[in-house]
PDB file of N, CA and C in Angstrom:
ATOM      1  N   MET A   1      83.746-159.458  34.569  1.00  0.00           N
ATOM      2  CA  MET A   1      82.457-158.808  34.505  1.00  0.00           C
ATOM      3  C   MET A   1      81.818-159.174  33.169  1.00  0.00           C
ATOM      4  N   LYS A   2      80.681-159.829  33.255  1.00  0.00           N
ATOM      5  CA  LYS A   2      79.947-160.224  32.057  1.00  0.00           C
ATOM      6  C   LYS A   2      78.865-159.186  31.779  1.00  0.00           C
ATOM      7  N   ILE A   3      78.687-158.841  30.495  1.00  0.00           N
ATOM      8  CA  ILE A   3      77.660-157.879  30.109  1.00  0.00           C
ATOM      9  C   ILE A   3      76.673-158.582  29.184  1.00  0.00           C
ATOM     10  N   GLN A   4      75.413-158.593  29.607  1.00  0.00           N
ATOM     11  CA  GLN A   4      74.351-159.234  28.844  1.00  0.00           C
ATOM     12  C   GLN A   4      73.475-158.135  28.249  1.00  0.00           C
ATOM     13  N   PHE A   5      73.280-158.157  26.946  1.00  0.00           N
ATOM     14  CA  PHE A   5      72.600-157.102  26.205  1.00  0.00           C
ATOM     15  C   PHE A   5      71.239-157.590  25.721  1.00  0.00           C
ATOM     16  N   ASN A   6      70.164-156.863  26.069  1.00  0.00           N
ATOM     17  CA  ASN A   6      68.807-157.239  25.675  1.00  0.00           C
ATOM     18  C   ASN A   6      68.089-156.038  25.064  1.00  0.00           C
ATOM     19  N   THR A   7      67.323-156.271  24.003  1.00  0.00           N
ATOM     20  CA  THR A   7      66.512-155.214  23.409  1.00  0.00           C
ATOM     21  C   THR A   7      65.095-155.731  23.219  1.00  0.00           C
ATOM     22  N   ASP A   8      64.138-154.793  23.137  1.00  0.00           N
ATOM     23  CA  ASP A   8      62.775-155.228  22.836  1.00  0.00           C
ATOM     24  C   ASP A   8      62.619-155.374  21.331  1.00  0.00           C
ATOM     25  N   LYS A   9      61.450-155.762  20.887  1.00  0.00           N
ATOM     26  CA  LYS A   9      61.246-156.067  19.474  1.00  0.00           C
ATOM     27  C   LYS A   9      61.277-154.840  18.566  1.00  0.00           C
ATOM     28  N   THR A  10      61.154-153.631  19.120  1.00  0.00           N
ATOM     29  CA  THR A  10      61.167-152.423  18.288  1.00  0.00           C
ATOM     30  C   THR A  10      62.565-151.822  18.140  1.00  0.00           C
ATOM     31  N   ILE A  11      63.517-152.291  18.924  1.00  0.00           N
ATOM     32  CA  ILE A  11      64.894-151.795  18.865  1.00  0.00           C
ATOM     33  C   ILE A  11      65.738-152.831  18.138  1.00  0.00           C
ATOM     34  N   GLN A  12      66.513-152.373  17.158  1.00  0.00           N
ATOM     35  CA  GLN A  12      67.407-153.298  16.468  1.00  0.00           C
ATOM     36  C   GLN A  12      68.646-153.527  17.326  1.00  0.00           C
ATOM     37  N   GLY A  13      68.865-154.765  17.714  1.00  0.00           N
ATOM     38  CA  GLY A  13      69.999-155.113  18.555  1.00  0.00           C
ATOM     39  C   GLY A  13      71.037-155.901  17.792  1.00  0.00           C
ATOM     40  N   ASP A  14      71.547-155.348  16.695  1.00  0.00           N
ATOM     41  CA  ASP A  14      72.533-156.086  15.913  1.00  0.00           C
ATOM     42  C   ASP A  14      73.875-156.142  16.644  1.00  0.00           C
ATOM     43  N   GLU A  15      74.766-156.974  16.141  1.00  0.00           N
ATOM     44  CA  GLU A  15      76.051-157.201  16.806  1.00  0.00           C
ATOM     45  C   GLU A  15      76.902-155.940  16.886  1.00  0.00           C
ATOM     46  N   ARG A  16      76.800-155.073  15.888  1.00  0.00           N
ATOM     47  CA  ARG A  16      77.598-153.843  15.883  1.00  0.00           C
ATOM     48  C   ARG A  16      77.180-152.931  17.035  1.00  0.00           C
ATOM     49  N   HIS A  17      75.862-152.741  17.212  1.00  0.00           N
ATOM     50  CA  HIS A  17      75.375-151.926  18.325  1.00  0.00           C
ATOM     51  C   HIS A  17      75.736-152.567  19.662  1.00  0.00           C
ATOM     52  N   GLU A  18      75.504-153.869  19.739  1.00  0.00           N
ATOM     53  CA  GLU A  18      75.785-154.578  20.985  1.00  0.00           C
ATOM     54  C   GLU A  18      77.265-154.459  21.353  1.00  0.00           C
ATOM     55  N   GLY A  19      78.143-154.648  20.391  1.00  0.00           N
ATOM     56  CA  GLY A  19      79.579-154.535  20.644  1.00  0.00           C
ATOM     57  C   GLY A  19      79.982-153.132  21.069  1.00  0.00           C
ATOM     58  N   TYR A  20      79.428-152.131  20.407  1.00  0.00           N
ATOM     59  CA  TYR A  20      79.741-150.731  20.740  1.00  0.00           C
ATOM     60  C   TYR A  20      79.325-150.407  22.173  1.00  0.00           C
ATOM     61  N   PHE A  21      78.076-150.743  22.535  1.00  0.00           N
ATOM     62  CA  PHE A  21      77.588-150.413  23.871  1.00  0.00           C
ATOM     63  C   PHE A  21      78.256-151.267  24.946  1.00  0.00           C
ATOM     64  N   THR A  22      78.542-152.518  24.649  1.00  0.00           N
ATOM     65  CA  THR A  22      79.241-153.376  25.599  1.00  0.00           C
ATOM     66  C   THR A  22      80.630-152.819  25.892  1.00  0.00           C
ATOM     67  N   ASP A  23      81.344-152.392  24.857  1.00  0.00           N
ATOM     68  CA  ASP A  23      82.667-151.790  25.051  1.00  0.00           C
ATOM     69  C   ASP A  23      82.581-150.503  25.861  1.00  0.00           C
ATOM     70  N   GLN A  24      81.570-149.682  25.562  1.00  0.00           N
ATOM     71  CA  GLN A  24      81.402-148.411  26.273  1.00  0.00           C
ATOM     72  C   GLN A  24      81.120-148.660  27.758  1.00  0.00           C
ATOM     73  N   ILE A  25      80.247-149.593  28.057  1.00  0.00           N
ATOM     74  CA  ILE A  25      79.909-149.904  29.449  1.00  0.00           C
ATOM     75  C   ILE A  25      81.126-150.464  30.178  1.00  0.00           C
ATOM     76  N   ALA A  26      81.838-151.400  29.546  1.00  0.00           N
ATOM     77  CA  ALA A  26      83.024-152.002  30.174  1.00  0.00           C
ATOM     78  C   ALA A  26      84.084-150.935  30.459  1.00  0.00           C
ATOM     79  N   LYS A  27      84.286-150.027  29.514  1.00  0.00           N
ATOM     80  CA  LYS A  27      85.292-148.972  29.687  1.00  0.00           C
ATOM     81  C   LYS A  27      84.911-148.019  30.825  1.00  0.00           C
ATOM     82  N   GLU A  28      83.652-147.590  30.842  1.00  0.00           N
ATOM     83  CA  GLU A  28      83.198-146.628  31.843  1.00  0.00           C
ATOM     84  C   GLU A  28      83.165-147.220  33.258  1.00  0.00           C
ATOM     85  N   LEU A  29      82.901-148.520  33.359  1.00  0.00           N
ATOM     86  CA  LEU A  29      82.775-149.153  34.678  1.00  0.00           C
ATOM     87  C   LEU A  29      84.010-149.974  35.048  1.00  0.00           C
ATOM     88  N   ASP A  30      85.107-149.734  34.370  1.00  0.00           N
ATOM     89  CA  ASP A  30      86.340-150.496  34.567  1.00  0.00           C
ATOM     90  C   ASP A  30      86.801-150.506  36.019  1.00  0.00           C
ATOM     91  N   ARG A  31      86.725-149.375  36.697  1.00  0.00           N
ATOM     92  CA  ARG A  31      87.242-149.319  38.080  1.00  0.00           C
ATOM     93  C   ARG A  31      86.403-150.128  39.066  1.00  0.00           C
ATOM     94  N   PHE A  32      85.182-150.510  38.668  1.00  0.00           N
ATOM     95  CA  PHE A  32      84.313-151.308  39.532  1.00  0.00           C
ATOM     96  C   PHE A  32      84.301-152.791  39.160  1.00  0.00           C
ATOM     97  N   GLN A  33      85.044-153.181  38.126  1.00  0.00           N
ATOM     98  CA  GLN A  33      84.923-154.536  37.592  1.00  0.00           C
ATOM     99  C   GLN A  33      85.257-155.635  38.593  1.00  0.00           C
ATOM    100  N   SER A  34      86.092-155.367  39.564  1.00  0.00           N
ATOM    101  CA  SER A  34      86.428-156.410  40.543  1.00  0.00           C
ATOM    102  C   SER A  34      85.263-156.700  41.495  1.00  0.00           C
ATOM    103  N   HIS A  35      84.300-155.786  41.572  1.00  0.00           N
ATOM    104  CA  HIS A  35      83.141-155.969  42.458  1.00  0.00           C
ATOM    105  C   HIS A  35      81.895-156.453  41.719  1.00  0.00           C
ATOM    106  N   ILE A  36      81.861-156.281  40.400  1.00  0.00           N
ATOM    107  CA  ILE A  36      80.671-156.602  39.620  1.00  0.00           C
ATOM    108  C   ILE A  36      80.849-157.956  38.929  1.00  0.00           C
ATOM    109  N   THR A  37      79.853-158.829  39.086  1.00  0.00           N
ATOM    110  CA  THR A  37      79.913-160.120  38.400  1.00  0.00           C
ATOM    111  C   THR A  37      79.231-160.052  37.041  1.00  0.00           C
ATOM    112  N   ARG A  38      78.121-159.277  36.952  1.00  0.00           N
ATOM    113  CA  ARG A  38      77.382-159.207  35.688  1.00  0.00           C
ATOM    114  C   ARG A  38      76.611-157.897  35.607  1.00  0.00           C
ATOM    115  N   ILE A  39      76.485-157.412  34.393  1.00  0.00           N
ATOM    116  CA  ILE A  39      75.628-156.256  34.117  1.00  0.00           C
ATOM    117  C   ILE A  39      74.638-156.668  33.042  1.00  0.00           C
ATOM    118  N   GLU A  40      73.372-156.420  33.303  1.00  0.00           N
ATOM    119  CA  GLU A  40      72.337-156.682  32.319  1.00  0.00           C
ATOM    120  C   GLU A  40      71.869-155.353  31.762  1.00  0.00           C
ATOM    121  N   VAL A  41      71.842-155.252  30.431  1.00  0.00           N
ATOM    122  CA  VAL A  41      71.424-154.049  29.732  1.00  0.00           C
ATOM    123  C   VAL A  41      70.095-154.351  29.055  1.00  0.00           C
ATOM    124  N   HIS A  42      69.089-153.531  29.340  1.00  0.00           N
ATOM    125  CA  HIS A  42      67.773-153.690  28.722  1.00  0.00           C
ATOM    126  C   HIS A  42      67.427-152.376  28.029  1.00  0.00           C
ATOM    127  N   ILE A  43      67.297-152.420  26.703  1.00  0.00           N
ATOM    128  CA  ILE A  43      66.957-151.222  25.945  1.00  0.00           C
ATOM    129  C   ILE A  43      65.574-151.438  25.327  1.00  0.00           C
ATOM    130  N   SER A  44      64.706-150.447  25.512  1.00  0.00           N
ATOM    131  CA  SER A  44      63.351-150.568  24.976  1.00  0.00           C
ATOM    132  C   SER A  44      62.847-149.219  24.480  1.00  0.00           C
ATOM    133  N   ASP A  45      61.864-149.287  23.614  1.00  0.00           N
ATOM    134  CA  ASP A  45      61.189-148.098  23.107  1.00  0.00           C
ATOM    135  C   ASP A  45      59.826-148.059  23.793  1.00  0.00           C
ATOM    136  N   GLU A  46      59.638-147.105  24.689  1.00  0.00           N
ATOM    137  CA  GLU A  46      58.436-147.047  25.515  1.00  0.00           C
ATOM    138  C   GLU A  46      57.159-146.842  24.703  1.00  0.00           C
ATOM    139  N   ASN A  47      57.257-146.209  23.539  1.00  0.00           N
ATOM    140  CA  ASN A  47      56.071-145.952  22.704  1.00  0.00           C
ATOM    141  C   ASN A  47      55.926-146.948  21.572  1.00  0.00           C
ATOM    142  N   GLY A  48      56.738-147.935  21.520  1.00  0.00           N
ATOM    143  CA  GLY A  48      56.693-148.878  20.407  1.00  0.00           C
ATOM    144  C   GLY A  48      57.130-148.181  19.127  1.00  0.00           C
ATOM    145  N   LYS A  49      56.385-148.357  18.081  1.00  0.00           N
ATOM    146  CA  LYS A  49      56.758-147.769  16.792  1.00  0.00           C
ATOM    147  C   LYS A  49      56.331-146.319  16.646  1.00  0.00           C
ATOM    148  N   LYS A  50      55.566-145.787  17.598  1.00  0.00           N
ATOM    149  CA  LYS A  50      55.126-144.395  17.532  1.00  0.00           C
ATOM    150  C   LYS A  50      56.279-143.463  17.890  1.00  0.00           C
ATOM    151  N   GLU A  51      56.237-142.268  17.331  1.00  0.00           N
ATOM    152  CA  GLU A  51      57.233-141.256  17.664  1.00  0.00           C
ATOM    153  C   GLU A  51      56.935-140.682  19.044  1.00  0.00           C
ATOM    154  N   GLY A  52      57.967-140.212  19.722  1.00  0.00           N
ATOM    155  CA  GLY A  52      57.765-139.600  21.027  1.00  0.00           C
ATOM    156  C   GLY A  52      59.034-138.961  21.532  1.00  0.00           C
ATOM    157  N   ILE A  53      58.894-138.126  22.522  1.00  0.00           N
ATOM    158  CA  ILE A  53      60.044-137.461  23.130  1.00  0.00           C
ATOM    159  C   ILE A  53      60.526-138.312  24.302  1.00  0.00           C
ATOM    160  N   LYS A  54      61.824-138.516  24.350  1.00  0.00           N
ATOM    161  CA  LYS A  54      62.455-139.318  25.411  1.00  0.00           C
ATOM    162  C   LYS A  54      61.748-140.663  25.591  1.00  0.00           C
ATOM    163  N   ASP A  55      61.570-141.382  24.498  1.00  0.00           N
ATOM    164  CA  ASP A  55      60.869-142.655  24.577  1.00  0.00           C
ATOM    165  C   ASP A  55      61.782-143.876  24.548  1.00  0.00           C
ATOM    166  N   ILE A  56      63.093-143.654  24.432  1.00  0.00           N
ATOM    167  CA  ILE A  56      64.051-144.769  24.485  1.00  0.00           C
ATOM    168  C   ILE A  56      64.516-144.915  25.935  1.00  0.00           C
ATOM    169  N   ARG A  57      64.394-146.128  26.473  1.00  0.00           N
ATOM    170  CA  ARG A  57      64.744-146.373  27.871  1.00  0.00           C
ATOM    171  C   ARG A  57      65.877-147.390  27.943  1.00  0.00           C
ATOM    172  N   CYS A  58      66.852-147.077  28.772  1.00  0.00           N
ATOM    173  CA  CYS A  58      67.946-148.009  29.046  1.00  0.00           C
ATOM    174  C   CYS A  58      67.939-148.328  30.532  1.00  0.00           C
ATOM    175  N   LEU A  59      67.835-149.591  30.846  1.00  0.00           N
ATOM    176  CA  LEU A  59      67.886-150.062  32.224  1.00  0.00           C
ATOM    177  C   LEU A  59      69.181-150.854  32.383  1.00  0.00           C
ATOM    178  N   LEU A  60      69.987-150.476  33.347  1.00  0.00           N
ATOM    179  CA  LEU A  60      71.213-151.214  33.661  1.00  0.00           C
ATOM    180  C   LEU A  60      71.053-151.835  35.039  1.00  0.00           C
ATOM    181  N   GLU A  61      71.266-153.138  35.116  1.00  0.00           N
ATOM    182  CA  GLU A  61      71.207-153.845  36.388  1.00  0.00           C
ATOM    183  C   GLU A  61      72.584-154.445  36.665  1.00  0.00           C
ATOM    184  N   ALA A  62      73.179-154.032  37.771  1.00  0.00           N
ATOM    185  CA  ALA A  62      74.515-154.507  38.136  1.00  0.00           C
ATOM    186  C   ALA A  62      74.405-155.517  39.273  1.00  0.00           C
ATOM    187  N   ARG A  63      75.036-156.668  39.079  1.00  0.00           N
ATOM    188  CA  ARG A  63      75.109-157.700  40.124  1.00  0.00           C
ATOM    189  C   ARG A  63      76.447-157.533  40.827  1.00  0.00           C
ATOM    190  N   ILE A  64      76.387-157.182  42.096  1.00  0.00           N
ATOM    191  CA  ILE A  64      77.586-156.936  42.887  1.00  0.00           C
ATOM    192  C   ILE A  64      77.819-158.137  43.796  1.00  0.00           C
ATOM    193  N   GLU A  65      79.076-158.553  43.895  1.00  0.00           N
ATOM    194  CA  GLU A  65      79.420-159.711  44.730  1.00  0.00           C
ATOM    195  C   GLU A  65      78.964-159.500  46.166  1.00  0.00           C
ATOM    196  N   GLY A  66      78.187-160.448  46.680  1.00  0.00           N
ATOM    197  CA  GLY A  66      77.786-160.436  48.073  1.00  0.00           C
ATOM    198  C   GLY A  66      76.745-159.388  48.435  1.00  0.00           C
ATOM    199  N   ARG A  67      76.123-158.736  47.460  1.00  0.00           N
ATOM    200  CA  ARG A  67      75.123-157.701  47.729  1.00  0.00           C
ATOM    201  C   ARG A  67      73.927-157.876  46.802  1.00  0.00           C
ATOM    202  N   GLN A  68      72.872-157.177  47.124  1.00  0.00           N
ATOM    203  CA  GLN A  68      71.701-157.171  46.258  1.00  0.00           C
ATOM    204  C   GLN A  68      72.044-156.441  44.953  1.00  0.00           C
ATOM    205  N   PRO A  69      71.441-156.851  43.845  1.00  0.00           N
ATOM    206  CA  PRO A  69      71.681-156.131  42.587  1.00  0.00           C
ATOM    207  C   PRO A  69      71.096-154.719  42.663  1.00  0.00           C
ATOM    208  N   ILE A  70      71.703-153.804  41.908  1.00  0.00           N
ATOM    209  CA  ILE A  70      71.153-152.457  41.826  1.00  0.00           C
ATOM    210  C   ILE A  70      70.783-152.186  40.375  1.00  0.00           C
ATOM    211  N   ALA A  71      69.741-151.394  40.198  1.00  0.00           N
ATOM    212  CA  ALA A  71      69.283-151.071  38.855  1.00  0.00           C
ATOM    213  C   ALA A  71      69.073-149.574  38.728  1.00  0.00           C
ATOM    214  N   VAL A  72      69.450-149.040  37.577  1.00  0.00           N
ATOM    215  CA  VAL A  72      69.220-147.637  37.252  1.00  0.00           C
ATOM    216  C   VAL A  72      68.665-147.590  35.837  1.00  0.00           C
ATOM    217  N   SER A  73      67.940-146.521  35.537  1.00  0.00           N
ATOM    218  CA  SER A  73      67.437-146.383  34.174  1.00  0.00           C
ATOM    219  C   SER A  73      67.494-144.922  33.759  1.00  0.00           C
ATOM    220  N   ASP A  74      67.486-144.721  32.454  1.00  0.00           N
ATOM    221  CA  ASP A  74      67.476-143.380  31.893  1.00  0.00           C
ATOM    222  C   ASP A  74      66.648-143.403  30.622  1.00  0.00           C
ATOM    223  N   GLN A  75      65.922-142.324  30.385  1.00  0.00           N
ATOM    224  CA  GLN A  75      65.145-142.188  29.165  1.00  0.00           C
ATOM    225  C   GLN A  75      65.665-141.008  28.380  1.00  0.00           C
ATOM    226  N   ALA A  76      65.764-141.184  27.061  1.00  0.00           N
ATOM    227  CA  ALA A  76      66.302-140.139  26.191  1.00  0.00           C
ATOM    228  C   ALA A  76      65.713-140.291  24.792  1.00  0.00           C
ATOM    229  N   ASN A  77      66.133-139.391  23.904  1.00  0.00           N
ATOM    230  CA  ASN A  77      65.639-139.425  22.525  1.00  0.00           C
ATOM    231  C   ASN A  77      66.344-140.468  21.669  1.00  0.00           C
ATOM    232  N   THR A  78      67.584-140.838  22.033  1.00  0.00           N
ATOM    233  CA  THR A  78      68.339-141.820  21.256  1.00  0.00           C
ATOM    234  C   THR A  78      68.866-142.914  22.186  1.00  0.00           C
ATOM    235  N   ILE A  79      69.213-144.038  21.567  1.00  0.00           N
ATOM    236  CA  ILE A  79      69.780-145.147  22.342  1.00  0.00           C
ATOM    237  C   ILE A  79      71.094-144.708  22.989  1.00  0.00           C
ATOM    238  N   GLU A  80      71.928-144.000  22.221  1.00  0.00           N
ATOM    239  CA  GLU A  80      73.229-143.558  22.727  1.00  0.00           C
ATOM    240  C   GLU A  80      73.082-142.680  23.970  1.00  0.00           C
ATOM    241  N   GLN A  81      72.131-141.737  23.925  1.00  0.00           N
ATOM    242  CA  GLN A  81      71.914-140.846  25.066  1.00  0.00           C
ATOM    243  C   GLN A  81      71.373-141.611  26.275  1.00  0.00           C
ATOM    244  N   ALA A  82      70.460-142.544  26.032  1.00  0.00           N
ATOM    245  CA  ALA A  82      69.876-143.321  27.127  1.00  0.00           C
ATOM    246  C   ALA A  82      70.931-144.199  27.798  1.00  0.00           C
ATOM    247  N   VAL A  83      71.771-144.848  26.994  1.00  0.00           N
ATOM    248  CA  VAL A  83      72.830-145.700  27.556  1.00  0.00           C
ATOM    249  C   VAL A  83      73.827-144.844  28.327  1.00  0.00           C
ATOM    250  N   SER A  84      74.227-143.731  27.762  1.00  0.00           N
ATOM    251  CA  SER A  84      75.183-142.835  28.426  1.00  0.00           C
ATOM    252  C   SER A  84      74.627-142.319  29.753  1.00  0.00           C
ATOM    253  N   GLY A  85      73.363-141.918  29.759  1.00  0.00           N
ATOM    254  CA  GLY A  85      72.741-141.433  30.995  1.00  0.00           C
ATOM    255  C   GLY A  85      72.657-142.512  32.055  1.00  0.00           C
ATOM    256  N   ALA A  86      72.305-143.730  31.642  1.00  0.00           N
ATOM    257  CA  ALA A  86      72.215-144.841  32.593  1.00  0.00           C
ATOM    258  C   ALA A  86      73.589-145.202  33.151  1.00  0.00           C
ATOM    259  N   ILE A  87      74.611-145.162  32.298  1.00  0.00           N
ATOM    260  CA  ILE A  87      75.976-145.437  32.766  1.00  0.00           C
ATOM    261  C   ILE A  87      76.381-144.406  33.822  1.00  0.00           C
ATOM    262  N   HIS A  88      76.092-143.153  33.559  1.00  0.00           N
ATOM    263  CA  HIS A  88      76.429-142.075  34.503  1.00  0.00           C
ATOM    264  C   HIS A  88      75.752-142.322  35.862  1.00  0.00           C
ATOM    265  N   LYS A  89      74.483-142.687  35.839  1.00  0.00           N
ATOM    266  CA  LYS A  89      73.748-142.952  37.081  1.00  0.00           C
ATOM    267  C   LYS A  89      74.307-144.173  37.805  1.00  0.00           C
ATOM    268  N   LEU A  90      74.658-145.215  37.033  1.00  0.00           N
ATOM    269  CA  LEU A  90      75.192-146.432  37.649  1.00  0.00           C
ATOM    270  C   LEU A  90      76.549-146.176  38.288  1.00  0.00           C
ATOM    271  N   LYS A  91      77.392-145.389  37.620  1.00  0.00           N
ATOM    272  CA  LYS A  91      78.697-145.051  38.202  1.00  0.00           C
ATOM    273  C   LYS A  91      78.527-144.314  39.526  1.00  0.00           C
ATOM    274  N   ALA A  92      77.582-143.394  39.582  1.00  0.00           N
ATOM    275  CA  ALA A  92      77.331-142.650  40.822  1.00  0.00           C
ATOM    276  C   ALA A  92      76.842-143.586  41.931  1.00  0.00           C
ATOM    277  N   SER A  93      75.914-144.470  41.601  1.00  0.00           N
ATOM    278  CA  SER A  93      75.392-145.416  42.595  1.00  0.00           C
ATOM    279  C   SER A  93      76.468-146.372  43.094  1.00  0.00           C
ATOM    280  N   LEU A  94      77.253-146.920  42.164  1.00  0.00           N
ATOM    281  CA  LEU A  94      78.324-147.840  42.554  1.00  0.00           C
ATOM    282  C   LEU A  94      79.372-147.128  43.406  1.00  0.00           C
ATOM    283  N   GLY A  95      79.697-145.908  43.047  1.00  0.00           N
ATOM    284  CA  GLY A  95      80.665-145.134  43.841  1.00  0.00           C
ATOM    285  C   GLY A  95      80.185-144.945  45.271  1.00  0.00           C
ATOM    286  N   THR A  96      78.908-144.663  45.427  1.00  0.00           N
ATOM    287  CA  THR A  96      78.336-144.480  46.767  1.00  0.00           C
ATOM    288  C   THR A  96      78.329-145.791  47.542  1.00  0.00           C
ATOM    289  N   ILE A  97      77.824-146.844  46.935  1.00  0.00           N
ATOM    290  CA  ILE A  97      77.705-148.135  47.624  1.00  0.00           C
ATOM    291  C   ILE A  97      79.069-148.708  47.972  1.00  0.00           C
ATOM    292  N   LEU A  98      79.968-148.753  47.014  1.00  0.00           N
ATOM    293  CA  LEU A  98      81.297-149.339  47.260  1.00  0.00           C
ATOM    294  C   LEU A  98      82.159-148.436  48.126  1.00  0.00           C
ATOM    295  N   GLY A  99      81.918-147.145  48.069  1.00  0.00           N
ATOM    296  CA  GLY A  99      82.636-146.219  48.957  1.00  0.00           C
ATOM    297  C   GLY A  99      82.271-146.449  50.405  1.00  0.00           C
ATOM    298  N   ARG A 100      80.987-146.716  50.667  1.00  0.00           N
ATOM    299  CA  ARG A 100      80.544-147.010  52.027  1.00  0.00           C
ATOM    300  C   ARG A 100      81.174-148.306  52.528  1.00  0.00           C
ATOM    301  N   LEU A 101      81.274-149.302  51.641  1.00  0.00           N
ATOM    302  CA  LEU A 101      81.853-150.586  52.047  1.00  0.00           C
ATOM    303  C   LEU A 101      83.323-150.433  52.437  1.00  0.00           C
ATOM    304  N   GLN A 102      84.051-149.597  51.687  1.00  0.00           N
ATOM    305  CA  GLN A 102      85.472-149.423  51.971  1.00  0.00           C
ATOM    306  C   GLN A 102      85.697-148.615  53.250  1.00  0.00           C
ATOM    307  N   ASN A 103      84.741-147.768  53.618  1.00  0.00           N
ATOM    308  CA  ASN A 103      84.872-146.955  54.830  1.00  0.00           C
ATOM    309  C   ASN A 103      84.622-147.765  56.094  1.00  0.00           C
ATOM    310  N   HIS A 104      83.980-148.932  55.967  1.00  0.00           N
ATOM    311  CA  HIS A 104      83.649-149.733  57.156  1.00  0.00           C
ATOM    312  C   HIS A 104      84.635-150.838  57.353  1.00  0.00           C
TER     313      HIS A 104
END
């Protein structure tokens, strides 16, 4: 499972942040890794440099073998909260989709 990390110009995407979030995503989605070929992470600040409530957005797009990609997003006050929320949503979606496949 390859994880590709992308940020917009207002979010600092240094190697330390990228490594931390990549490890967190890989750990949380470990049980699905045999079905996922790639995950794309897109982090952006919806208001740019202006302050705002829940203006950090994390979009996770999972490429599943033999299926259409699925995407989930979460908005929060911090990057950590947005990534965590998106991971939670992606785990729920993958559990539903892959659970249906195993039942058939």
